[in-house]
Amino acid sequence: MLKSVDKRLTTILLIVFVQMVGASLILPILPLYALGEFDLSPQAITLLAASFFAAQFVAGPYLGRLSDKVGRVPVLLVSQLGTVIAFVALGAAPAAWVLYAARILDGITGGNIIVAQAYVTDITPANRRSEALGLILAAFGIAFFVGPAIGGLASRAFGPRVPYYLAAVAALVTLLLTWFTLDETHDDDERAARAAAGHKLTPRLVLSNLPTMLSLSLGFLSMFVLGLVIAVFALFGEAVLFSDWDAESVGLGVGLILTGVGLSQFLTQTTLIRPALARFGELRLIQFGIVLRAIGLTIIAFSTSAILTTAGSALFASGMGLTTPPTQSAATKTVADALRGGILGLYQSVSSLGTIISTAIGGVLFAIDPFLAFRIGAVLAFLALIPAIALERTFNRTHQESLD
């Protein structure tokens, strides 16, 4: 854990935690809600997931750059308001098109985490950035430990629409926390000075910067694999893991597995990432996390047991937790400080592109074979080692050239 934790970091972590409790409430039940209430096909359900990430892909870079220009807090407030409206719309949806509209709205205004990450990099020294970004994932993890279980229980006890209203309340709480407790990281003079410096995140700058491109490719592959899992996991639970359970119990079973995933993520960020960074360094830790992630996904890809699937999911989550913070940190170090929000927004956008593609095809793969998405994901997870090794060599070469 970071020593002498900045009070602002504690506040932003609380905001992320409450936000993700709300978001994770709906994860185990949204596919089943779309199936049971609106009779959507598996392909249509995975497109529902893809619609969120498609909107986030378009909006992500803009929101990141906007937060660089006007400040982090105003963008956080607007994005949180969009999330509140989207969750209410999901709960009150009279027709399937409202589900798509709500997910698209949440994706367009879904700069919450992007801006939270940029906020953290603003208040954290570069050499502690991976650890601080890891704390955001720890907040994710504990939220996923709490949220899915609440969602599954609430759906079973009160009906499939209630969890969305609970998620809306959680999002409203984060909006109020931001409004009343969070200070801006840069004043008007600092933003004006950064603007005068002339730094711009142009396509030419990105395409000509090999470390940036490698970092973005890792984000793309990571989320492509995660998208395959997200797209079919609830359906996999219904068809394979809990095939003899009723629909409400399936939601609970999937929610409990995701609870285990959240606990694994939390423990990774609070107990493992700091010694792992000290042992391996950022760039080697990315590679170690990739291997762990791939092993976990391989276990899921060949298991019909809920216990083995939970174990594989926990390994997968730990691998994601060890890989994501140092990859994001590496990306922020490939551009000028004034572009941190923009590069994190671009990283999120590219990651969302990977999720868009994978969630869109996940239903097709599931229709062919319930295991196919996981098996393809395991292969791609191992292949991510190629850009990870190239990133380490590129950074090492750049450092050596600076010494010569």
Protein backbone atom coordinates (compact mmCIF):
# COMPACT_ATOMS: atom_id res chain seq x y z
CA MET A 1 0.00 0.00 0.00
CA LEU A 2 1.21 3.52 -0.76
CA LYS A 3 2.76 5.30 2.19
CA SER A 4 1.47 8.76 3.15
CA VAL A 5 -1.61 8.33 0.98
CA ASP A 6 -2.89 11.63 -0.38
CA LYS A 7 -6.36 12.45 1.00
CA ARG A 8 -7.49 13.11 -2.57
CA LEU A 9 -6.45 9.58 -3.55
CA THR A 10 -8.57 8.16 -0.73
CA THR A 11 -11.52 10.20 -1.98
CA ILE A 12 -11.15 9.14 -5.62
CA LEU A 13 -10.82 5.49 -4.56
CA LEU A 14 -14.05 5.76 -2.57
CA ILE A 15 -15.76 7.28 -5.60
CA VAL A 16 -14.49 4.49 -7.87
CA PHE A 17 -15.56 1.85 -5.34
CA VAL A 18 -19.13 3.12 -5.03
CA GLN A 19 -19.38 3.59 -8.80
CA MET A 20 -18.20 0.05 -9.49
CA VAL A 21 -20.47 -1.48 -6.85
CA GLY A 22 -23.33 -0.02 -8.86
CA ALA A 23 -21.91 -1.13 -12.20
CA SER A 24 -21.09 -4.66 -11.00
CA LEU A 25 -24.59 -5.09 -9.56
CA ILE A 26 -25.91 -5.59 -13.08
CA LEU A 27 -23.17 -7.82 -14.52
CA PRO A 28 -24.54 -11.24 -13.55
CA ILE A 29 -28.13 -10.35 -14.38
CA LEU A 30 -28.14 -8.09 -17.46
CA PRO A 31 -27.77 -10.94 -20.01
CA LEU A 32 -30.41 -12.99 -18.19
CA TYR A 33 -32.64 -9.89 -17.86
CA ALA A 34 -32.37 -9.29 -21.61
CA LEU A 35 -33.11 -12.95 -22.27
CA GLY A 36 -35.99 -13.40 -19.81
CA GLU A 37 -37.75 -10.02 -20.03
CA PHE A 38 -37.15 -9.18 -23.71
CA ASP A 39 -36.47 -12.60 -25.28
CA LEU A 40 -33.21 -11.44 -26.92
CA SER A 41 -31.01 -14.03 -28.64
CA PRO A 42 -27.43 -14.72 -27.46
CA GLN A 43 -26.14 -12.73 -30.45
CA ALA A 44 -28.38 -9.76 -29.59
CA ILE A 45 -27.31 -9.94 -25.93
CA THR A 46 -23.62 -9.80 -26.82
CA LEU A 47 -24.34 -6.86 -29.14
CA LEU A 48 -25.95 -5.17 -26.14
CA ALA A 49 -22.64 -5.44 -24.33
CA ALA A 50 -20.79 -4.29 -27.45
CA SER A 51 -22.97 -1.16 -27.74
CA PHE A 52 -21.61 0.16 -24.44
CA PHE A 53 -18.01 -0.32 -25.49
CA ALA A 54 -18.65 1.09 -28.96
CA ALA A 55 -19.93 4.31 -27.40
CA GLN A 56 -16.99 4.36 -25.00
CA PHE A 57 -14.61 3.85 -27.93
CA VAL A 58 -15.91 6.99 -29.62
CA ALA A 59 -16.12 9.12 -26.48
CA GLY A 60 -13.05 7.97 -24.53
CA PRO A 61 -10.30 10.06 -26.16
CA TYR A 62 -12.51 13.14 -26.24
CA LEU A 63 -13.36 12.85 -22.54
CA GLY A 64 -9.71 12.34 -21.63
CA ARG A 65 -8.59 15.40 -23.63
CA LEU A 66 -11.52 17.42 -22.29
CA SER A 67 -10.45 16.67 -18.72
CA ASP A 68 -6.93 17.89 -19.61
CA LYS A 69 -8.43 21.19 -20.80
CA VAL A 70 -11.31 22.00 -18.43
CA GLY A 71 -10.38 19.93 -15.37
CA ARG A 72 -11.04 16.45 -14.04
CA VAL A 73 -13.94 17.23 -11.69
CA PRO A 74 -16.40 18.78 -14.20
CA VAL A 75 -15.99 15.82 -16.56
CA LEU A 76 -16.44 13.38 -13.68
CA LEU A 77 -19.70 15.08 -12.69
CA VAL A 78 -21.16 14.97 -16.20
CA SER A 79 -20.16 11.35 -16.75
CA GLN A 80 -21.65 10.27 -13.42
CA LEU A 81 -24.93 12.00 -14.22
CA GLY A 82 -25.10 10.06 -17.48
CA THR A 83 -24.57 6.82 -15.58
CA VAL A 84 -27.43 7.62 -13.17
CA ILE A 85 -29.82 8.25 -16.07
CA ALA A 86 -28.67 5.10 -17.88
CA PHE A 87 -29.24 2.81 -14.88
CA VAL A 88 -32.72 4.22 -14.27
CA ALA A 89 -33.54 3.66 -17.95
CA LEU A 90 -32.38 0.03 -17.71
CA GLY A 91 -34.66 -0.62 -14.75
CA ALA A 92 -37.66 1.08 -16.33
CA ALA A 93 -37.10 -0.20 -19.88
CA PRO A 94 -40.43 -1.00 -21.61
CA ALA A 95 -38.74 -2.41 -24.72
CA ALA A 96 -35.41 -3.84 -25.84
CA TRP A 97 -34.36 -0.68 -27.70
CA VAL A 98 -34.28 1.18 -24.39
CA LEU A 99 -31.67 -1.28 -23.12
CA TYR A 100 -29.44 -0.42 -26.08
CA ALA A 101 -30.07 3.32 -25.66
CA ALA A 102 -29.19 3.15 -21.96
CA ARG A 103 -25.97 1.23 -22.55
CA ILE A 104 -24.94 3.64 -25.31
CA LEU A 105 -25.62 6.64 -23.05
CA ASP A 106 -23.57 5.09 -20.26
CA GLY A 107 -20.75 4.43 -22.73
CA ILE A 108 -20.79 7.99 -24.12
CA THR A 109 -20.66 9.54 -20.65
CA GLY A 110 -18.57 6.70 -19.24
CA GLY A 111 -15.47 8.78 -18.59
CA ASN A 112 -15.71 8.09 -14.86
CA ILE A 113 -12.83 5.64 -14.68
CA ILE A 114 -10.72 7.33 -17.39
CA VAL A 115 -10.83 10.64 -15.56
CA ALA A 116 -10.35 8.97 -12.17
CA GLN A 117 -7.17 7.34 -13.51
CA ALA A 118 -5.97 10.68 -14.92
CA TYR A 119 -6.71 12.30 -11.55
CA VAL A 120 -4.58 9.67 -9.81
CA THR A 121 -1.66 10.22 -12.19
CA ASP A 122 -1.90 13.97 -11.51
CA ILE A 123 -1.35 13.53 -7.77
CA THR A 124 1.12 10.61 -7.86
CA PRO A 125 4.87 10.65 -8.68
CA ALA A 126 5.81 8.75 -11.85
CA ASN A 127 7.74 6.07 -9.96
CA ARG A 128 4.66 5.20 -7.87
CA ARG A 129 2.10 5.44 -10.65
CA SER A 130 1.64 1.69 -11.21
CA GLU A 131 0.97 1.14 -7.53
CA ALA A 132 -1.52 4.01 -7.38
CA LEU A 133 -3.33 2.84 -10.51
CA GLY A 134 -3.34 -0.60 -8.92
CA LEU A 135 -5.30 0.83 -6.00
CA ILE A 136 -8.03 1.78 -8.46
CA LEU A 137 -8.15 -1.86 -9.53
CA ALA A 138 -8.27 -2.82 -5.85
CA ALA A 139 -11.36 -0.63 -5.54
CA PHE A 140 -12.70 -2.46 -8.61
CA GLY A 141 -11.94 -5.77 -6.95
CA ILE A 142 -13.67 -5.14 -3.64
CA ALA A 143 -16.61 -3.63 -5.54
CA PHE A 144 -16.86 -6.80 -7.63
CA PHE A 145 -16.69 -8.77 -4.40
CA VAL A 146 -19.75 -6.90 -3.12
CA GLY A 147 -21.71 -5.86 -6.21
CA PRO A 148 -22.46 -9.09 -8.11
CA ALA A 149 -23.61 -10.89 -4.98
CA ILE A 150 -25.96 -8.01 -4.13
CA GLY A 151 -27.22 -7.94 -7.71
CA GLY A 152 -27.90 -11.67 -7.78
CA LEU A 153 -29.60 -11.64 -4.38
CA ALA A 154 -31.66 -8.52 -5.14
CA SER A 155 -32.80 -9.93 -8.47
CA ARG A 156 -33.89 -13.17 -6.87
CA ALA A 157 -35.61 -11.51 -3.90
CA PHE A 158 -37.23 -8.45 -5.49
CA GLY A 159 -37.32 -9.09 -9.23
CA PRO A 160 -35.01 -8.46 -12.18
CA ARG A 161 -35.51 -4.68 -12.37
CA VAL A 162 -34.63 -3.70 -8.80
CA PRO A 163 -30.81 -4.05 -9.12
CA TYR A 164 -30.74 -1.33 -11.79
CA TYR A 165 -32.38 1.15 -9.43
CA LEU A 166 -29.89 0.18 -6.73
CA ALA A 167 -27.07 0.79 -9.23
CA ALA A 168 -28.56 4.21 -10.04
CA VAL A 169 -28.54 5.11 -6.34
CA ALA A 170 -24.87 4.09 -6.10
CA ALA A 171 -24.02 6.25 -9.12
CA LEU A 172 -25.90 9.18 -7.58
CA VAL A 173 -23.86 8.78 -4.39
CA THR A 174 -20.62 9.03 -6.39
CA LEU A 175 -21.89 12.19 -8.06
CA LEU A 176 -22.54 13.77 -4.66
CA LEU A 177 -19.16 12.62 -3.34
CA THR A 178 -17.45 14.23 -6.30
CA TRP A 179 -19.40 17.47 -5.99
CA PHE A 180 -18.83 17.96 -2.27
CA THR A 181 -15.45 16.36 -1.53
CA LEU A 182 -13.15 16.31 -4.57
CA ASP A 183 -10.77 19.18 -5.36
CA GLU A 184 -9.49 19.96 -8.83
CA THR A 185 -5.88 18.87 -9.47
CA HIS A 186 -4.85 21.85 -11.63
CA ASP A 187 -6.03 25.44 -11.44
CA ASP A 188 -6.84 27.65 -14.44
CA ASP A 189 -3.30 29.07 -14.64
CA GLU A 190 -1.73 25.60 -14.76
CA ARG A 191 -4.12 24.46 -17.50
CA ALA A 192 -3.43 27.64 -19.47
CA ALA A 193 0.33 27.08 -19.17
CA ARG A 194 -0.04 23.51 -20.42
CA ALA A 195 -2.17 24.67 -23.33
CA ALA A 196 0.45 27.30 -24.22
CA ALA A 197 3.13 24.60 -24.33
CA GLY A 198 1.43 23.32 -27.49
CA HIS A 199 1.27 19.62 -26.64
CA LYS A 200 -1.30 17.81 -28.77
CA LEU A 201 -2.13 14.13 -28.95
CA THR A 202 -2.24 13.85 -32.73
CA PRO A 203 -2.56 10.63 -34.76
CA ARG A 204 0.93 11.27 -36.15
CA LEU A 205 2.40 11.54 -32.66
CA VAL A 206 0.76 8.28 -31.59
CA LEU A 207 1.59 6.30 -34.74
CA SER A 208 5.23 7.39 -34.73
CA ASN A 209 5.74 6.52 -31.05
CA LEU A 210 6.59 2.80 -30.83
CA PRO A 211 6.29 2.49 -27.01
CA THR A 212 2.87 4.16 -27.19
CA MET A 213 1.73 1.81 -29.95
CA LEU A 214 2.95 -1.24 -28.05
CA SER A 215 1.19 -0.10 -24.88
CA LEU A 216 -2.03 0.45 -26.82
CA SER A 217 -1.75 -2.94 -28.50
CA LEU A 218 -1.46 -4.57 -25.07
CA GLY A 219 -4.57 -2.73 -23.94
CA PHE A 220 -6.41 -3.87 -27.06
CA LEU A 221 -5.46 -7.54 -26.65
CA SER A 222 -6.16 -7.52 -22.93
CA MET A 223 -9.67 -6.20 -23.35
CA PHE A 224 -10.36 -8.32 -26.43
CA VAL A 225 -9.77 -11.38 -24.29
CA LEU A 226 -11.75 -9.95 -21.37
CA GLY A 227 -14.59 -9.06 -23.75
CA LEU A 228 -14.87 -12.68 -24.88
CA VAL A 229 -15.24 -13.72 -21.25
CA ILE A 230 -17.75 -10.97 -20.40
CA ALA A 231 -19.86 -11.65 -23.48
CA VAL A 232 -20.58 -15.29 -22.74
CA PHE A 233 -19.88 -15.89 -19.06
CA ALA A 234 -23.47 -15.66 -17.81
CA LEU A 235 -24.69 -17.73 -20.76
CA PHE A 236 -21.88 -20.24 -20.11
CA GLY A 237 -23.03 -20.47 -16.50
CA GLU A 238 -26.61 -21.21 -17.59
CA ALA A 239 -25.65 -23.74 -20.29
CA VAL A 240 -22.73 -25.53 -18.63
CA LEU A 241 -21.97 -24.73 -15.00
CA PHE A 242 -25.53 -24.48 -13.65
CA SER A 243 -27.53 -26.19 -16.38
CA ASP A 244 -29.90 -27.85 -13.89
CA TRP A 245 -30.61 -24.67 -11.89
CA ASP A 246 -33.57 -22.29 -12.30
CA ALA A 247 -32.97 -18.87 -13.92
CA GLU A 248 -32.87 -16.87 -10.67
CA SER A 249 -30.41 -19.30 -9.10
CA VAL A 250 -28.19 -19.16 -12.18
CA GLY A 251 -27.89 -15.39 -11.70
CA LEU A 252 -26.92 -15.97 -8.10
CA GLY A 253 -24.37 -18.65 -9.03
CA VAL A 254 -22.73 -16.46 -11.66
CA GLY A 255 -22.77 -13.56 -9.22
CA LEU A 256 -20.97 -15.64 -6.59
CA ILE A 257 -18.26 -16.62 -9.07
CA LEU A 258 -17.80 -12.95 -9.96
CA THR A 259 -17.62 -12.22 -6.25
CA GLY A 260 -14.65 -14.58 -6.08
CA VAL A 261 -13.14 -12.76 -9.04
CA GLY A 262 -13.53 -9.45 -7.24
CA LEU A 263 -11.89 -10.81 -4.09
CA SER A 264 -8.96 -12.08 -6.17
CA GLN A 265 -8.61 -8.67 -7.82
CA PHE A 266 -8.67 -6.91 -4.46
CA LEU A 267 -6.07 -9.20 -2.91
CA THR A 268 -3.84 -8.84 -5.97
CA GLN A 269 -3.80 -5.05 -5.71
CA THR A 270 -3.48 -4.82 -1.94
CA THR A 271 -0.98 -7.63 -1.26
CA LEU A 272 0.73 -8.73 -4.48
CA ILE A 273 1.37 -5.80 -6.78
CA ARG A 274 3.76 -3.87 -4.56
CA PRO A 275 6.21 -6.76 -3.92
CA ALA A 276 5.75 -7.90 -7.53
CA LEU A 277 6.74 -4.45 -8.81
CA ALA A 278 9.78 -4.49 -6.53
CA ARG A 279 10.73 -7.96 -7.74
CA PHE A 280 10.08 -7.69 -11.48
CA GLY A 281 9.70 -4.00 -12.33
CA GLU A 282 6.82 -2.65 -14.41
CA LEU A 283 7.70 -4.16 -17.76
CA ARG A 284 8.51 -7.69 -16.57
CA LEU A 285 5.42 -7.66 -14.36
CA ILE A 286 3.30 -7.09 -17.47
CA GLN A 287 4.71 -10.32 -18.92
CA PHE A 288 4.21 -12.29 -15.69
CA GLY A 289 0.61 -11.11 -15.45
CA ILE A 290 -0.05 -12.11 -19.06
CA VAL A 291 1.12 -15.68 -18.36
CA LEU A 292 -1.01 -15.92 -15.22
CA ARG A 293 -4.03 -14.56 -17.08
CA ALA A 294 -3.59 -17.07 -19.91
CA ILE A 295 -3.28 -20.02 -17.51
CA GLY A 296 -6.48 -19.01 -15.73
CA LEU A 297 -8.38 -18.71 -18.99
CA THR A 298 -7.09 -22.10 -20.13
CA ILE A 299 -8.54 -23.68 -16.97
CA ILE A 300 -11.96 -22.13 -17.70
CA ALA A 301 -11.77 -23.22 -21.34
CA PHE A 302 -11.62 -26.91 -20.42
CA SER A 303 -13.76 -27.02 -17.26
CA THR A 304 -17.37 -27.96 -16.57
CA SER A 305 -16.96 -27.54 -12.82
CA ALA A 306 -18.05 -24.35 -11.07
CA ILE A 307 -15.21 -24.79 -8.56
CA LEU A 308 -12.52 -25.10 -11.25
CA THR A 309 -14.08 -22.24 -13.20
CA THR A 310 -13.96 -20.07 -10.07
CA ALA A 311 -10.28 -20.95 -9.58
CA GLY A 312 -9.49 -20.21 -13.22
CA SER A 313 -11.43 -16.96 -13.02
CA ALA A 314 -9.47 -15.93 -9.93
CA LEU A 315 -6.16 -16.58 -11.71
CA PHE A 316 -7.43 -14.68 -14.75
CA ALA A 317 -8.40 -11.72 -12.54
CA SER A 318 -5.02 -11.74 -10.78
CA GLY A 319 -3.26 -11.73 -14.14
CA MET A 320 -5.37 -8.80 -15.29
CA GLY A 321 -4.61 -7.01 -12.03
CA LEU A 322 -0.86 -7.47 -12.39
CA THR A 323 -0.88 -6.46 -16.07
CA THR A 324 -3.20 -3.48 -16.33
CA PRO A 325 -1.67 -0.89 -13.91
CA PRO A 326 1.90 -1.15 -15.24
CA THR A 327 0.65 -1.10 -18.83
CA GLN A 328 -1.34 2.07 -18.18
CA SER A 329 1.59 3.56 -16.30
CA ALA A 330 3.93 2.76 -19.19
CA ALA A 331 1.52 4.45 -21.60
CA THR A 332 1.49 7.68 -19.56
CA LYS A 333 5.31 7.75 -19.65
CA THR A 334 5.41 7.69 -23.47
CA VAL A 335 3.89 11.21 -23.82
CA ALA A 336 4.23 14.65 -22.21
CA ASP A 337 2.62 15.13 -18.79
CA ALA A 338 0.07 17.54 -20.30
CA LEU A 339 -1.30 14.65 -22.37
CA ARG A 340 -1.86 12.14 -19.58
CA GLY A 341 -5.64 12.42 -19.64
CA GLY A 342 -5.63 12.18 -23.42
CA ILE A 343 -3.40 9.10 -23.56
CA LEU A 344 -5.45 7.34 -20.87
CA GLY A 345 -8.57 8.21 -22.84
CA LEU A 346 -6.99 6.81 -26.00
CA TYR A 347 -5.88 3.71 -24.08
CA GLN A 348 -9.46 3.24 -22.90
CA SER A 349 -10.76 3.81 -26.41
CA VAL A 350 -8.45 1.23 -27.95
CA SER A 351 -9.27 -1.17 -25.12
CA SER A 352 -12.96 -0.58 -25.79
CA LEU A 353 -12.39 -1.35 -29.47
CA GLY A 354 -11.02 -4.73 -28.47
CA THR A 355 -14.07 -5.32 -26.29
CA ILE A 356 -16.46 -4.17 -29.02
CA ILE A 357 -15.13 -6.70 -31.49
CA SER A 358 -14.90 -9.57 -29.03
CA THR A 359 -18.32 -9.06 -27.43
CA ALA A 360 -19.89 -8.73 -30.87
CA ILE A 361 -18.54 -12.11 -31.96
CA GLY A 362 -18.83 -13.76 -28.54
CA GLY A 363 -22.44 -14.76 -29.07
CA VAL A 364 -21.60 -16.28 -32.45
CA LEU A 365 -18.77 -18.31 -30.91
CA PHE A 366 -21.04 -19.40 -28.05
CA ALA A 367 -23.70 -20.56 -30.52
CA ILE A 368 -21.06 -22.77 -32.19
CA ASP A 369 -19.67 -24.16 -28.92
CA PRO A 370 -20.04 -22.83 -25.35
CA PHE A 371 -16.28 -23.32 -24.77
CA LEU A 372 -15.01 -21.80 -28.03
CA ALA A 373 -14.74 -18.17 -26.88
CA PHE A 374 -12.66 -19.18 -23.86
CA ARG A 375 -10.33 -21.36 -25.92
CA ILE A 376 -9.71 -18.65 -28.51
CA GLY A 377 -9.19 -16.18 -25.67
CA ALA A 378 -6.58 -18.42 -24.04
CA VAL A 379 -4.53 -18.55 -27.26
CA LEU A 380 -4.72 -14.76 -27.70
CA ALA A 381 -3.81 -14.25 -24.05
CA PHE A 382 -0.53 -16.12 -24.58
CA LEU A 383 0.15 -14.20 -27.83
CA ALA A 384 0.07 -10.92 -25.88
CA LEU A 385 3.56 -11.82 -24.68
CA ILE A 386 4.92 -10.70 -28.07
CA PRO A 387 4.15 -6.95 -27.72
CA ALA A 388 4.93 -7.12 -23.98
CA ILE A 389 8.48 -8.34 -24.63
CA ALA A 390 8.88 -5.80 -27.45
CA LEU A 391 7.77 -3.01 -25.09
CA GLU A 392 10.42 -3.95 -22.53
CA ARG A 393 13.14 -4.04 -25.18
CA THR A 394 12.04 -0.69 -26.62
CA PHE A 395 12.05 1.02 -23.24
CA ASN A 396 15.43 -0.50 -22.38
CA ARG A 397 16.89 0.65 -25.70
CA THR A 398 15.55 4.16 -25.21
CA HIS A 399 17.00 4.30 -21.69
CA GLN A 400 20.38 3.07 -22.91
CA GLU A 401 20.43 5.68 -25.69
CA SER A 402 19.73 8.42 -23.14
CA LEU A 403 22.80 7.29 -21.18
CA ASP A 404 25.12 7.22 -24.21
